[in-house]
C-alpha cells in the first residue's frame, strides 16, 4: 500500500527476471485497509 495524490492505493505485483516488475492489480484502499495502514505506519 502507498499514498498517491488522490488517496491510498493497494498494488499487487510480481518480480520477473530480476529487475522486471509486473503490476497485477492496483485499486484504491478500502476504509478498513486505510485504518490498518495508518496504524502500522505510525500516522
N, C-alpha and C. Protein backbone atom coordinates (compact mmCIF):
# COMPACT_ATOMS: atom_id res chain seq x y z
N UNK A 1 0.84 -1.17 0.00
CA UNK A 1 0.00 0.00 0.00
C UNK A 1 0.88 1.23 0.00
N UNK A 2 0.36 2.28 -0.56
CA UNK A 2 1.06 3.55 -0.56
C UNK A 2 0.12 4.66 -0.97
N UNK A 3 0.52 5.88 -0.66
CA UNK A 3 -0.35 7.01 -0.98
C UNK A 3 0.05 7.66 -2.29
N UNK A 4 -0.95 8.17 -2.98
CA UNK A 4 -0.76 8.96 -4.18
C UNK A 4 -1.57 10.23 -3.99
N UNK A 5 -1.56 11.12 -4.95
CA UNK A 5 -2.25 12.40 -4.80
C UNK A 5 -3.73 12.23 -4.48
N UNK A 6 -4.38 11.21 -5.04
CA UNK A 6 -5.83 11.03 -4.86
C UNK A 6 -6.21 10.16 -3.68
N UNK A 7 -5.27 9.54 -2.99
CA UNK A 7 -5.62 8.70 -1.85
C UNK A 7 -4.64 7.57 -1.65
N UNK A 8 -5.07 6.55 -0.95
CA UNK A 8 -4.24 5.40 -0.63
C UNK A 8 -4.59 4.26 -1.59
N UNK A 9 -3.57 3.62 -2.15
CA UNK A 9 -3.80 2.55 -3.10
C UNK A 9 -3.16 1.24 -2.64
N UNK A 10 -3.75 0.14 -3.10
CA UNK A 10 -3.21 -1.20 -2.88
C UNK A 10 -2.72 -1.70 -4.23
N UNK A 11 -1.47 -2.11 -4.29
CA UNK A 11 -0.88 -2.60 -5.54
C UNK A 11 -0.37 -4.01 -5.32
N UNK A 12 -0.70 -4.91 -6.24
CA UNK A 12 -0.19 -6.28 -6.21
C UNK A 12 0.76 -6.43 -7.38
N UNK A 13 1.97 -6.92 -7.12
CA UNK A 13 2.96 -7.05 -8.18
C UNK A 13 3.77 -8.32 -8.01
N UNK A 14 4.48 -8.66 -9.06
CA UNK A 14 5.40 -9.79 -9.03
C UNK A 14 6.71 -9.35 -9.67
N UNK A 15 7.80 -9.90 -9.18
CA UNK A 15 9.10 -9.61 -9.77
C UNK A 15 9.44 -10.72 -10.75
N UNK A 16 9.81 -10.33 -11.96
CA UNK A 16 10.13 -11.29 -13.02
C UNK A 16 11.55 -11.03 -13.50
N UNK A 17 12.32 -12.06 -13.67
CA UNK A 17 13.66 -11.97 -14.25
C UNK A 17 14.54 -10.91 -13.58
N UNK A 18 14.54 -10.87 -12.27
CA UNK A 18 15.45 -9.99 -11.54
C UNK A 18 14.98 -8.55 -11.41
N UNK A 19 15.07 -7.77 -12.47
CA UNK A 19 14.77 -6.34 -12.35
C UNK A 19 13.49 -5.92 -13.06
N UNK A 20 12.66 -6.86 -13.45
CA UNK A 20 11.39 -6.56 -14.12
C UNK A 20 10.27 -6.74 -13.11
N UNK A 21 9.45 -5.70 -12.93
CA UNK A 21 8.32 -5.76 -12.02
C UNK A 21 7.05 -5.69 -12.84
N UNK A 22 6.14 -6.64 -12.61
CA UNK A 22 4.87 -6.69 -13.34
C UNK A 22 3.74 -6.36 -12.37
N UNK A 23 2.98 -5.32 -12.67
CA UNK A 23 1.84 -4.95 -11.83
C UNK A 23 0.65 -5.82 -12.23
N UNK A 24 0.11 -6.51 -11.23
CA UNK A 24 -1.03 -7.40 -11.46
C UNK A 24 -2.33 -6.65 -11.26
N UNK A 25 -2.42 -5.85 -10.20
CA UNK A 25 -3.62 -5.04 -10.00
C UNK A 25 -3.29 -3.83 -9.14
N UNK A 26 -4.11 -2.80 -9.27
CA UNK A 26 -4.00 -1.59 -8.45
C UNK A 26 -5.41 -1.06 -8.23
N UNK A 27 -5.70 -0.70 -6.98
CA UNK A 27 -7.04 -0.20 -6.65
C UNK A 27 -6.93 0.71 -5.44
N UNK A 28 -7.95 1.53 -5.24
CA UNK A 28 -8.00 2.36 -4.04
C UNK A 28 -8.28 1.49 -2.83
N UNK A 29 -7.66 1.82 -1.71
CA UNK A 29 -7.82 1.07 -0.47
C UNK A 29 -9.20 1.28 0.12
N UNK A 30 -9.71 0.24 0.77
CA UNK A 30 -10.98 0.34 1.49
C UNK A 30 -10.75 1.10 2.80
N UNK A 31 -11.83 1.46 3.45
CA UNK A 31 -11.72 2.17 4.72
C UNK A 31 -10.94 1.40 5.77
N UNK A 32 -11.21 0.11 5.88
CA UNK A 32 -10.50 -0.70 6.89
C UNK A 32 -9.02 -0.86 6.53
N UNK A 33 -8.71 -0.94 5.24
CA UNK A 33 -7.30 -1.04 4.82
C UNK A 33 -6.56 0.27 5.13
N UNK A 34 -7.23 1.40 4.96
CA UNK A 34 -6.62 2.69 5.29
C UNK A 34 -6.30 2.77 6.77
N UNK A 35 -7.26 2.33 7.59
CA UNK A 35 -7.06 2.35 9.04
C UNK A 35 -5.89 1.47 9.44
N UNK A 36 -5.84 0.27 8.89
CA UNK A 36 -4.75 -0.67 9.21
C UNK A 36 -3.39 -0.11 8.77
N UNK A 37 -3.34 0.47 7.57
CA UNK A 37 -2.09 1.03 7.06
C UNK A 37 -1.61 2.18 7.95
N UNK A 38 -2.52 3.06 8.29
CA UNK A 38 -2.12 4.24 9.09
C UNK A 38 -1.67 3.84 10.50
N UNK A 39 -2.29 2.80 11.08
CA UNK A 39 -1.87 2.36 12.41
C UNK A 39 -0.50 1.68 12.36
N UNK A 40 -0.21 0.95 11.28
CA UNK A 40 1.08 0.28 11.18
C UNK A 40 2.18 1.23 10.73
N UNK A 41 1.82 2.29 10.01
CA UNK A 41 2.80 3.26 9.54
C UNK A 41 3.11 4.33 10.60
N UNK A 42 2.38 4.30 11.70
CA UNK A 42 2.62 5.25 12.78
C UNK A 42 2.04 6.63 12.53
N UNK A 43 1.05 6.72 11.65
CA UNK A 43 0.44 8.03 11.37
C UNK A 43 -0.66 8.34 12.36
